[in-house]
Amino acid sequence: MNRVVFDSIFKRFDLHRTPEQDVTSLFEHFPEDQLRHQNAGDCLWQEGENADSLFVLRSGWACSVHYHKEGSRQLLEIYLPGDVLGLCQIASGNRRTNAVMLTDGWICELPHSSLPALFDDSPNTAALLFAIINQRQAMLAERQVIMMHRSARQRLAHFICECHTRLLEIGESYQGEFLLPLTQQDLADALGMSAVHVSRTFSQLAAEGLVQRHLFQLIILDATRLREIAAFDERYLKSLRGDEGLSSIEQQTPVFISPTASDLPEDQDGKVAEK
């Protein structure tokens, strides 16, 4: 196993382990020849299918999504590099949502049948995966609160803060600048807004001197005020190991991974494009 190839995955898992846990042997189950490239828009699984494997996102962004009968959709979870997809479906045995790539990326599939051997080789893996599931449920609960009790301005500000915090943890943000490769429609479907409202809200935040964006690159200009507007409390994202928090992560050497042009949806006007 090439540690460099799975660097983002290692960083994400490392965030959840306690000091006495060793995750090295876990990655022996992710051989490089199991990596496969996915294009933006590719469906990883469909609702109702048999759930017989996990997907680990080595690079790129993906999401779980529910399609409504009238043709609209709802983005439920946003997956970033290093995230594990399908954990909550191990027990149910079937896919409760669809999973779609938002950008080009690389994934590694881990069949459920390989989990017993994985747990034997890495006894702490079950606890590690439970910690990740716990965080995932906390994020969904937080999203529900945001959707029900916050204004559009607060929703977008909170989403930006959450993505920034998660990207900092794996070194894909530096000095408040990071990639947010979501279209206006993606953001609208994630935050319960219209695409036009997303655009107006972004313009409002920019006019207030809080954020700046060009194409899919986003810069947070005033993190303190943005967090205050969002009422953002990052404790729901904290891992079990009790790390020092965002301030210490900011000081780490960043490993910013910029996408190629083909990784991103097309944008014609310099703004996040609608689909």
C-alpha atoms as a PDB file:
ATOM      1  CA  MET A   1       0.000   0.000   0.000  1.00  0.00           C
ATOM      2  CA  ASN A   2       1.355   3.385  -1.031  1.00  0.00           C
ATOM      3  CA  ARG A   3       0.727   5.787   1.841  1.00  0.00           C
ATOM      4  CA  VAL A   4       0.954   8.783  -0.504  1.00  0.00           C
ATOM      5  CA  VAL A   5      -1.812   7.443  -2.753  1.00  0.00           C
ATOM      6  CA  PHE A   6      -4.153   7.104   0.227  1.00  0.00           C
ATOM      7  CA  ASP A   7      -2.947  10.221   2.039  1.00  0.00           C
ATOM      8  CA  SER A   8      -6.331  11.953   2.270  1.00  0.00           C
ATOM      9  CA  ILE A   9      -7.959   8.752   3.527  1.00  0.00           C
ATOM     10  CA  PHE A  10      -5.242   8.256   6.141  1.00  0.00           C
ATOM     11  CA  LYS A  11      -5.675  11.845   7.359  1.00  0.00           C
ATOM     12  CA  ARG A  12      -9.436  11.476   7.649  1.00  0.00           C
ATOM     13  CA  PHE A  13      -9.198   8.204   9.592  1.00  0.00           C
ATOM     14  CA  ASP A  14      -6.393   9.551  11.728  1.00  0.00           C
ATOM     15  CA  LEU A  15      -8.679  12.340  12.930  1.00  0.00           C
ATOM     16  CA  HIS A  16     -11.001   9.832  14.575  1.00  0.00           C
ATOM     17  CA  ARG A  17      -8.557   7.466  16.197  1.00  0.00           C
ATOM     18  CA  THR A  18      -7.577   7.646  19.843  1.00  0.00           C
ATOM     19  CA  PRO A  19      -3.827   7.755  20.679  1.00  0.00           C
ATOM     20  CA  GLU A  20      -3.639   4.025  21.360  1.00  0.00           C
ATOM     21  CA  GLN A  21      -5.233   3.059  18.050  1.00  0.00           C
ATOM     22  CA  ASP A  22      -3.089   2.170  15.046  1.00  0.00           C
ATOM     23  CA  VAL A  23      -4.757   2.585  11.648  1.00  0.00           C
ATOM     24  CA  THR A  24      -1.784   1.486   9.554  1.00  0.00           C
ATOM     25  CA  SER A  25      -2.900  -2.107   9.068  1.00  0.00           C
ATOM     26  CA  LEU A  26      -6.339  -0.891   8.011  1.00  0.00           C
ATOM     27  CA  PHE A  27      -4.914   0.495   4.789  1.00  0.00           C
ATOM     28  CA  GLU A  28      -3.430  -2.833   3.750  1.00  0.00           C
ATOM     29  CA  HIS A  29      -7.004  -3.634   2.727  1.00  0.00           C
ATOM     30  CA  PHE A  30      -6.960  -0.773   0.209  1.00  0.00           C
ATOM     31  CA  PRO A  31      -4.589  -2.033  -2.523  1.00  0.00           C
ATOM     32  CA  GLU A  32      -3.822   0.487  -5.227  1.00  0.00           C
ATOM     33  CA  ASP A  33      -5.197  -1.768  -7.961  1.00  0.00           C
ATOM     34  CA  GLN A  34      -8.670  -1.368  -6.421  1.00  0.00           C
ATOM     35  CA  LEU A  35      -8.665   2.364  -7.070  1.00  0.00           C
ATOM     36  CA  ARG A  36     -10.894   3.443  -9.914  1.00  0.00           C
ATOM     37  CA  HIS A  37     -11.540   6.786 -11.524  1.00  0.00           C
ATOM     38  CA  GLN A  38     -15.020   8.292 -11.519  1.00  0.00           C
ATOM     39  CA  ASN A  39     -16.309  11.218 -13.531  1.00  0.00           C
ATOM     40  CA  ALA A  40     -18.486  14.040 -12.254  1.00  0.00           C
ATOM     41  CA  GLY A  41     -22.106  12.890 -12.400  1.00  0.00           C
ATOM     42  CA  ASP A  42     -21.296   9.173 -12.141  1.00  0.00           C
ATOM     43  CA  CYS A  43     -23.709   7.232  -9.944  1.00  0.00           C
ATOM     44  CA  LEU A  44     -21.933   5.114  -7.324  1.00  0.00           C
ATOM     45  CA  TRP A  45     -25.137   3.386  -6.274  1.00  0.00           C
ATOM     46  CA  GLN A  46     -28.901   3.787  -6.590  1.00  0.00           C
ATOM     47  CA  GLU A  47     -31.601   3.824  -3.942  1.00  0.00           C
ATOM     48  CA  GLY A  48     -32.965   0.341  -3.283  1.00  0.00           C
ATOM     49  CA  GLU A  49     -29.881  -1.547  -4.430  1.00  0.00           C
ATOM     50  CA  ASN A  50     -28.278  -4.181  -2.262  1.00  0.00           C
ATOM     51  CA  ALA A  51     -25.642  -2.624  -0.002  1.00  0.00           C
ATOM     52  CA  ASP A  52     -22.699  -5.006  -0.139  1.00  0.00           C
ATOM     53  CA  SER A  53     -19.702  -2.654  -0.030  1.00  0.00           C
ATOM     54  CA  LEU A  54     -18.250   0.572   1.308  1.00  0.00           C
ATOM     55  CA  PHE A  55     -16.729   3.263  -0.883  1.00  0.00           C
ATOM     56  CA  VAL A  56     -13.740   5.274   0.281  1.00  0.00           C
ATOM     57  CA  LEU A  57     -13.221   8.579  -1.497  1.00  0.00           C
ATOM     58  CA  ARG A  58      -9.540   9.040  -2.224  1.00  0.00           C
ATOM     59  CA  SER A  59     -10.073  12.336  -4.092  1.00  0.00           C
ATOM     60  CA  GLY A  60     -12.940  14.423  -5.397  1.00  0.00           C
ATOM     61  CA  TRP A  61     -16.339  15.305  -3.936  1.00  0.00           C
ATOM     62  CA  ALA A  62     -19.489  13.190  -3.877  1.00  0.00           C
ATOM     63  CA  CYS A  63     -22.922  13.339  -2.271  1.00  0.00           C
ATOM     64  CA  SER A  64     -25.849  11.233  -1.193  1.00  0.00           C
ATOM     65  CA  VAL A  65     -29.032  12.418  -2.843  1.00  0.00           C
ATOM     66  CA  HIS A  66     -32.757  11.698  -2.817  1.00  0.00           C
ATOM     67  CA  TYR A  67     -34.785  12.280  -5.976  1.00  0.00           C
ATOM     68  CA  HIS A  68     -38.397  13.332  -5.464  1.00  0.00           C
ATOM     69  CA  LYS A  69     -41.195  12.136  -7.700  1.00  0.00           C
ATOM     70  CA  GLU A  70     -41.872  15.620  -9.096  1.00  0.00           C
ATOM     71  CA  GLY A  71     -38.305  15.755 -10.384  1.00  0.00           C
ATOM     72  CA  SER A  72     -36.573  17.792  -7.701  1.00  0.00           C
ATOM     73  CA  ARG A  73     -33.760  16.428  -5.584  1.00  0.00           C
ATOM     74  CA  GLN A  74     -32.308  16.867  -2.106  1.00  0.00           C
ATOM     75  CA  LEU A  75     -28.594  16.605  -1.344  1.00  0.00           C
ATOM     76  CA  LEU A  76     -28.308  14.910   2.037  1.00  0.00           C
ATOM     77  CA  GLU A  77     -24.595  14.442   2.700  1.00  0.00           C
ATOM     78  CA  ILE A  78     -21.561  15.999   1.098  1.00  0.00           C
ATOM     79  CA  TYR A  79     -18.543  13.689   0.949  1.00  0.00           C
ATOM     80  CA  LEU A  80     -15.013  15.092   0.877  1.00  0.00           C
ATOM     81  CA  PRO A  81     -11.663  13.394   0.177  1.00  0.00           C
ATOM     82  CA  GLY A  82     -10.995  10.643   2.707  1.00  0.00           C
ATOM     83  CA  ASP A  83     -14.661  10.108   3.596  1.00  0.00           C
ATOM     84  CA  VAL A  84     -16.259   6.663   3.786  1.00  0.00           C
ATOM     85  CA  LEU A  85     -19.550   6.248   1.912  1.00  0.00           C
ATOM     86  CA  GLY A  86     -22.207   3.715   2.892  1.00  0.00           C
ATOM     87  CA  LEU A  87     -21.254   3.134   6.537  1.00  0.00           C
ATOM     88  CA  CYS A  88     -24.789   3.573   7.838  1.00  0.00           C
ATOM     89  CA  GLN A  89     -26.068   0.940   5.418  1.00  0.00           C
ATOM     90  CA  ILE A  90     -23.976  -1.949   6.720  1.00  0.00           C
ATOM     91  CA  ALA A  91     -26.753  -3.083   9.053  1.00  0.00           C
ATOM     92  CA  SER A  92     -29.742  -2.357   6.787  1.00  0.00           C
ATOM     93  CA  GLY A  93     -28.354  -4.225   3.784  1.00  0.00           C
ATOM     94  CA  ASN A  94     -29.878  -1.850   1.209  1.00  0.00           C
ATOM     95  CA  ARG A  95     -29.185   1.586  -0.172  1.00  0.00           C
ATOM     96  CA  ARG A  96     -31.569   4.193   1.218  1.00  0.00           C
ATOM     97  CA  THR A  97     -30.315   6.994  -1.052  1.00  0.00           C
ATOM     98  CA  ASN A  98     -28.447   7.500  -4.295  1.00  0.00           C
ATOM     99  CA  ALA A  99     -24.746   8.379  -4.278  1.00  0.00           C
ATOM    100  CA  VAL A 100     -23.333  10.583  -7.039  1.00  0.00           C
ATOM    101  CA  MET A 101     -19.940  12.076  -7.818  1.00  0.00           C
ATOM    102  CA  LEU A 102     -19.977  15.883  -7.769  1.00  0.00           C
ATOM    103  CA  THR A 103     -16.526  16.148  -9.345  1.00  0.00           C
ATOM    104  CA  ASP A 104     -14.062  13.812 -10.992  1.00  0.00           C
ATOM    105  CA  GLY A 105     -12.254  11.697  -8.424  1.00  0.00           C
ATOM    106  CA  TRP A 106     -10.844   8.365  -7.350  1.00  0.00           C
ATOM    107  CA  ILE A 107     -12.603   5.824  -5.154  1.00  0.00           C
ATOM    108  CA  CYS A 108     -11.745   2.500  -3.560  1.00  0.00           C
ATOM    109  CA  GLU A 109     -14.471  -0.094  -3.011  1.00  0.00           C
ATOM    110  CA  LEU A 110     -14.328  -2.291   0.073  1.00  0.00           C
ATOM    111  CA  PRO A 111     -16.750  -5.267   0.019  1.00  0.00           C
ATOM    112  CA  HIS A 112     -18.606  -6.032   3.242  1.00  0.00           C
ATOM    113  CA  SER A 113     -17.281  -9.590   2.943  1.00  0.00           C
ATOM    114  CA  SER A 114     -13.772  -8.257   3.623  1.00  0.00           C
ATOM    115  CA  LEU A 115     -14.746  -6.558   6.890  1.00  0.00           C
ATOM    116  CA  PRO A 116     -14.267  -9.611   9.184  1.00  0.00           C
ATOM    117  CA  ALA A 117     -10.660 -10.005   8.022  1.00  0.00           C
ATOM    118  CA  LEU A 118     -10.146  -6.264   8.353  1.00  0.00           C
ATOM    119  CA  PHE A 119     -11.421  -6.332  11.943  1.00  0.00           C
ATOM    120  CA  ASP A 120      -9.144  -9.282  12.726  1.00  0.00           C
ATOM    121  CA  ASP A 121      -6.091  -7.481  11.355  1.00  0.00           C
ATOM    122  CA  SER A 122      -7.021  -4.133  12.868  1.00  0.00           C
ATOM    123  CA  PRO A 123      -9.041  -4.781  16.069  1.00  0.00           C
ATOM    124  CA  ASN A 124      -9.749  -1.092  16.644  1.00  0.00           C
ATOM    125  CA  THR A 125     -11.297  -0.589  13.235  1.00  0.00           C
ATOM    126  CA  ALA A 126     -14.844  -1.282  14.430  1.00  0.00           C
ATOM    127  CA  ALA A 127     -14.535   1.454  17.067  1.00  0.00           C
ATOM    128  CA  LEU A 128     -13.003   3.762  14.477  1.00  0.00           C
ATOM    129  CA  LEU A 129     -15.855   3.234  12.040  1.00  0.00           C
ATOM    130  CA  PHE A 130     -18.359   3.755  14.858  1.00  0.00           C
ATOM    131  CA  ALA A 131     -16.719   7.111  15.625  1.00  0.00           C
ATOM    132  CA  ILE A 132     -17.079   8.121  11.968  1.00  0.00           C
ATOM    133  CA  ILE A 133     -20.745   7.040  11.944  1.00  0.00           C
ATOM    134  CA  ASN A 134     -21.307   9.051  15.118  1.00  0.00           C
ATOM    135  CA  GLN A 135     -19.858  12.166  13.496  1.00  0.00           C
ATOM    136  CA  ARG A 136     -21.932  11.593  10.369  1.00  0.00           C
ATOM    137  CA  GLN A 137     -25.137  11.418  12.412  1.00  0.00           C
ATOM    138  CA  ALA A 138     -24.154  14.586  14.283  1.00  0.00           C
ATOM    139  CA  MET A 139     -23.664  16.375  10.963  1.00  0.00           C
ATOM    140  CA  LEU A 140     -27.087  15.271   9.708  1.00  0.00           C
ATOM    141  CA  ALA A 141     -28.710  16.420  12.962  1.00  0.00           C
ATOM    142  CA  GLU A 142     -26.975  19.792  12.682  1.00  0.00           C
ATOM    143  CA  ARG A 143     -28.129  20.127   9.074  1.00  0.00           C
ATOM    144  CA  GLN A 144     -31.723  19.472  10.153  1.00  0.00           C
ATOM    145  CA  VAL A 145     -31.543  22.252  12.745  1.00  0.00           C
ATOM    146  CA  ILE A 146     -30.017  24.640  10.216  1.00  0.00           C
ATOM    147  CA  MET A 147     -32.674  23.882   7.608  1.00  0.00           C
ATOM    148  CA  MET A 148     -35.565  24.388  10.035  1.00  0.00           C
ATOM    149  CA  HIS A 149     -34.447  27.326  12.132  1.00  0.00           C
ATOM    150  CA  ARG A 150     -31.972  29.477  10.161  1.00  0.00           C
ATOM    151  CA  SER A 151     -32.291  32.080   7.437  1.00  0.00           C
ATOM    152  CA  ALA A 152     -30.844  31.536   3.958  1.00  0.00           C
ATOM    153  CA  ARG A 153     -27.899  33.775   4.868  1.00  0.00           C
ATOM    154  CA  GLN A 154     -27.189  31.723   7.980  1.00  0.00           C
ATOM    155  CA  ARG A 155     -27.554  28.423   6.123  1.00  0.00           C
ATOM    156  CA  LEU A 156     -25.020  29.351   3.480  1.00  0.00           C
ATOM    157  CA  ALA A 157     -22.621  30.825   6.047  1.00  0.00           C
ATOM    158  CA  HIS A 158     -22.868  27.652   8.147  1.00  0.00           C
ATOM    159  CA  PHE A 159     -22.291  25.416   5.136  1.00  0.00           C
ATOM    160  CA  ILE A 160     -19.178  27.374   4.194  1.00  0.00           C
ATOM    161  CA  CYS A 161     -17.841  27.155   7.754  1.00  0.00           C
ATOM    162  CA  GLU A 162     -18.500  23.411   7.900  1.00  0.00           C
ATOM    163  CA  CYS A 163     -16.788  22.663   4.590  1.00  0.00           C
ATOM    164  CA  HIS A 164     -13.851  24.880   5.537  1.00  0.00           C
ATOM    165  CA  THR A 165     -13.394  23.095   8.874  1.00  0.00           C
ATOM    166  CA  ARG A 166     -13.537  19.644   7.284  1.00  0.00           C
ATOM    167  CA  LEU A 167     -11.084  20.618   4.542  1.00  0.00           C
ATOM    168  CA  LEU A 168      -8.670  22.113   7.066  1.00  0.00           C
ATOM    169  CA  GLU A 169      -8.499  18.748   8.783  1.00  0.00           C
ATOM    170  CA  ILE A 170      -7.037  17.088   5.716  1.00  0.00           C
ATOM    171  CA  GLY A 171      -4.895  20.011   4.600  1.00  0.00           C
ATOM    172  CA  GLU A 172      -7.018  21.121   1.633  1.00  0.00           C
ATOM    173  CA  SER A 173      -7.487  24.703   2.800  1.00  0.00           C
ATOM    174  CA  TYR A 174      -4.922  27.372   3.506  1.00  0.00           C
ATOM    175  CA  GLN A 175      -5.439  30.800   5.072  1.00  0.00           C
ATOM    176  CA  GLY A 176      -9.178  30.629   4.498  1.00  0.00           C
ATOM    177  CA  GLU A 177      -8.917  29.722   0.811  1.00  0.00           C
ATOM    178  CA  PHE A 178     -10.340  26.465  -0.481  1.00  0.00           C
ATOM    179  CA  LEU A 179     -12.138  24.782  -3.333  1.00  0.00           C
ATOM    180  CA  LEU A 180     -15.938  24.641  -3.183  1.00  0.00           C
ATOM    181  CA  PRO A 181     -16.746  22.751  -6.414  1.00  0.00           C
ATOM    182  CA  LEU A 182     -20.524  22.926  -6.106  1.00  0.00           C
ATOM    183  CA  THR A 183     -22.850  24.592  -8.595  1.00  0.00           C
ATOM    184  CA  GLN A 184     -25.586  26.989  -7.550  1.00  0.00           C
ATOM    185  CA  GLN A 185     -28.075  24.176  -8.027  1.00  0.00           C
ATOM    186  CA  ASP A 186     -26.000  21.792  -5.880  1.00  0.00           C
ATOM    187  CA  LEU A 187     -25.963  24.340  -3.059  1.00  0.00           C
ATOM    188  CA  ALA A 188     -29.665  25.043  -3.523  1.00  0.00           C
ATOM    189  CA  ASP A 189     -30.527  21.346  -3.273  1.00  0.00           C
ATOM    190  CA  ALA A 190     -28.342  20.970  -0.176  1.00  0.00           C
ATOM    191  CA  LEU A 191     -29.671  24.039   1.647  1.00  0.00           C
ATOM    192  CA  GLY A 192     -33.346  24.097   0.659  1.00  0.00           C
ATOM    193  CA  MET A 193     -33.049  27.253  -1.431  1.00  0.00           C
ATOM    194  CA  SER A 194     -33.475  28.205  -5.062  1.00  0.00           C
ATOM    195  CA  ALA A 195     -30.405  28.598  -7.251  1.00  0.00           C
ATOM    196  CA  VAL A 196     -31.225  32.299  -7.694  1.00  0.00           C
ATOM    197  CA  HIS A 197     -31.441  32.741  -3.925  1.00  0.00           C
ATOM    198  CA  VAL A 198     -28.063  31.068  -3.501  1.00  0.00           C
ATOM    199  CA  SER A 199     -26.527  33.515  -5.961  1.00  0.00           C
ATOM    200  CA  ARG A 200     -28.080  36.514  -4.208  1.00  0.00           C
ATOM    201  CA  THR A 201     -26.995  35.268  -0.796  1.00  0.00           C
ATOM    202  CA  PHE A 202     -23.422  34.764  -1.986  1.00  0.00           C
ATOM    203  CA  SER A 203     -23.478  38.320  -3.339  1.00  0.00           C
ATOM    204  CA  GLN A 204     -24.756  39.560   0.019  1.00  0.00           C
ATOM    205  CA  LEU A 205     -21.959  37.825   1.927  1.00  0.00           C
ATOM    206  CA  ALA A 206     -19.432  39.225  -0.526  1.00  0.00           C
ATOM    207  CA  ALA A 207     -20.845  42.751  -0.166  1.00  0.00           C
ATOM    208  CA  GLU A 208     -20.454  42.449   3.603  1.00  0.00           C
ATOM    209  CA  GLY A 209     -16.783  41.624   3.172  1.00  0.00           C
ATOM    210  CA  LEU A 210     -17.160  38.083   4.491  1.00  0.00           C
ATOM    211  CA  VAL A 211     -16.260  35.938   1.491  1.00  0.00           C
ATOM    212  CA  GLN A 212     -14.856  36.257  -1.976  1.00  0.00           C
ATOM    213  CA  ARG A 213     -15.193  33.728  -4.753  1.00  0.00           C
ATOM    214  CA  HIS A 214     -13.890  33.293  -8.233  1.00  0.00           C
ATOM    215  CA  LEU A 215     -15.161  30.337 -10.208  1.00  0.00           C
ATOM    216  CA  PHE A 216     -15.098  27.546  -7.598  1.00  0.00           C
ATOM    217  CA  GLN A 217     -12.357  29.028  -5.433  1.00  0.00           C
ATOM    218  CA  LEU A 218     -13.649  30.521  -2.184  1.00  0.00           C
ATOM    219  CA  ILE A 219     -11.808  32.812   0.230  1.00  0.00           C
ATOM    220  CA  ILE A 220     -13.103  33.545   3.716  1.00  0.00           C
ATOM    221  CA  LEU A 221     -12.224  37.182   4.404  1.00  0.00           C
ATOM    222  CA  ASP A 222     -13.619  37.460   7.934  1.00  0.00           C
ATOM    223  CA  ALA A 223     -13.883  34.041   9.598  1.00  0.00           C
ATOM    224  CA  THR A 224     -14.957  35.443  12.987  1.00  0.00           C
ATOM    225  CA  ARG A 225     -17.935  37.359  11.623  1.00  0.00           C
ATOM    226  CA  LEU A 226     -18.912  34.510   9.305  1.00  0.00           C
ATOM    227  CA  ARG A 227     -18.976  32.093  12.233  1.00  0.00           C
ATOM    228  CA  GLU A 228     -21.019  34.532  14.295  1.00  0.00           C
ATOM    229  CA  ILE A 229     -23.595  34.921  11.534  1.00  0.00           C
ATOM    230  CA  ALA A 230     -23.776  31.145  11.081  1.00  0.00           C
ATOM    231  CA  ALA A 231     -23.848  30.484  14.856  1.00  0.00           C
ATOM    232  CA  PHE A 232     -21.253  27.880  13.940  1.00  0.00           C
ATOM    233  CA  ASP A 233     -20.060  25.665  16.784  1.00  0.00           C
ATOM    234  CA  GLU A 234     -17.586  23.106  15.448  1.00  0.00           C
ATOM    235  CA  ARG A 235     -17.915  20.755  18.412  1.00  0.00           C
ATOM    236  CA  TYR A 236     -20.334  18.528  16.487  1.00  0.00           C
ATOM    237  CA  LEU A 237     -17.458  17.826  14.085  1.00  0.00           C
ATOM    238  CA  LYS A 238     -14.986  16.920  16.814  1.00  0.00           C
ATOM    239  CA  SER A 239     -13.456  13.468  16.811  1.00  0.00           C
ATOM    240  CA  LEU A 240     -13.191  11.193  19.846  1.00  0.00           C
ATOM    241  CA  ARG A 241      -9.521  11.886  20.282  1.00  0.00           C
ATOM    242  CA  GLY A 242     -10.138  15.468  21.428  1.00  0.00           C
ATOM    243  CA  ASP A 243      -7.705  17.299  19.190  1.00  0.00           C
ATOM    244  CA  GLU A 244      -6.799  20.909  19.852  1.00  0.00           C
ATOM    245  CA  GLY A 245      -9.271  22.395  17.410  1.00  0.00           C
ATOM    246  CA  LEU A 246      -9.295  24.614  14.386  1.00  0.00           C
ATOM    247  CA  SER A 247      -6.614  27.046  15.557  1.00  0.00           C
ATOM    248  CA  SER A 248      -4.006  24.294  15.760  1.00  0.00           C
ATOM    249  CA  ILE A 249      -5.049  22.830  12.420  1.00  0.00           C
ATOM    250  CA  GLU A 250      -4.573  26.237  10.783  1.00  0.00           C
ATOM    251  CA  GLN A 251      -0.915  26.125  11.828  1.00  0.00           C
ATOM    252  CA  GLN A 252      -0.183  22.799  10.163  1.00  0.00           C
ATOM    253  CA  THR A 253       1.619  22.682   6.835  1.00  0.00           C
ATOM    254  CA  PRO A 254      -1.120  22.592   4.188  1.00  0.00           C
ATOM    255  CA  VAL A 255      -1.280  20.114   1.349  1.00  0.00           C
ATOM    256  CA  PHE A 256      -3.587  21.971  -0.997  1.00  0.00           C
ATOM    257  CA  ILE A 257      -4.762  19.803  -3.858  1.00  0.00           C
ATOM    258  CA  SER A 258      -5.979  21.861  -6.786  1.00  0.00           C
ATOM    259  CA  PRO A 259      -8.182  20.133  -9.358  1.00  0.00           C
ATOM    260  CA  THR A 260      -7.649  20.184 -13.057  1.00  0.00           C
ATOM    261  CA  ALA A 261     -10.157  22.033 -15.174  1.00  0.00           C
ATOM    262  CA  SER A 262     -11.798  18.734 -16.098  1.00  0.00           C
ATOM    263  CA  ASP A 263     -12.554  18.057 -12.432  1.00  0.00           C
ATOM    264  CA  LEU A 264     -15.078  20.891 -12.228  1.00  0.00           C
ATOM    265  CA  PRO A 265     -18.495  21.601 -13.722  1.00  0.00           C
ATOM    266  CA  GLU A 266     -18.429  24.220 -16.438  1.00  0.00           C
ATOM    267  CA  ASP A 267     -18.948  27.823 -15.386  1.00  0.00           C
ATOM    268  CA  GLN A 268     -19.481  30.507 -17.987  1.00  0.00           C
ATOM    269  CA  ASP A 269     -19.855  33.734 -16.015  1.00  0.00           C
ATOM    270  CA  GLY A 270     -17.237  33.520 -13.291  1.00  0.00           C
ATOM    271  CA  LYS A 271     -19.793  32.419 -10.721  1.00  0.00           C
ATOM    272  CA  VAL A 272     -20.940  29.045  -9.513  1.00  0.00           C
ATOM    273  CA  ALA A 273     -22.876  27.755 -12.461  1.00  0.00           C
ATOM    274  CA  GLU A 274     -26.373  26.385 -12.508  1.00  0.00           C
ATOM    275  CA  LYS A 275     -26.922  22.939 -13.935  1.00  0.00           C
END
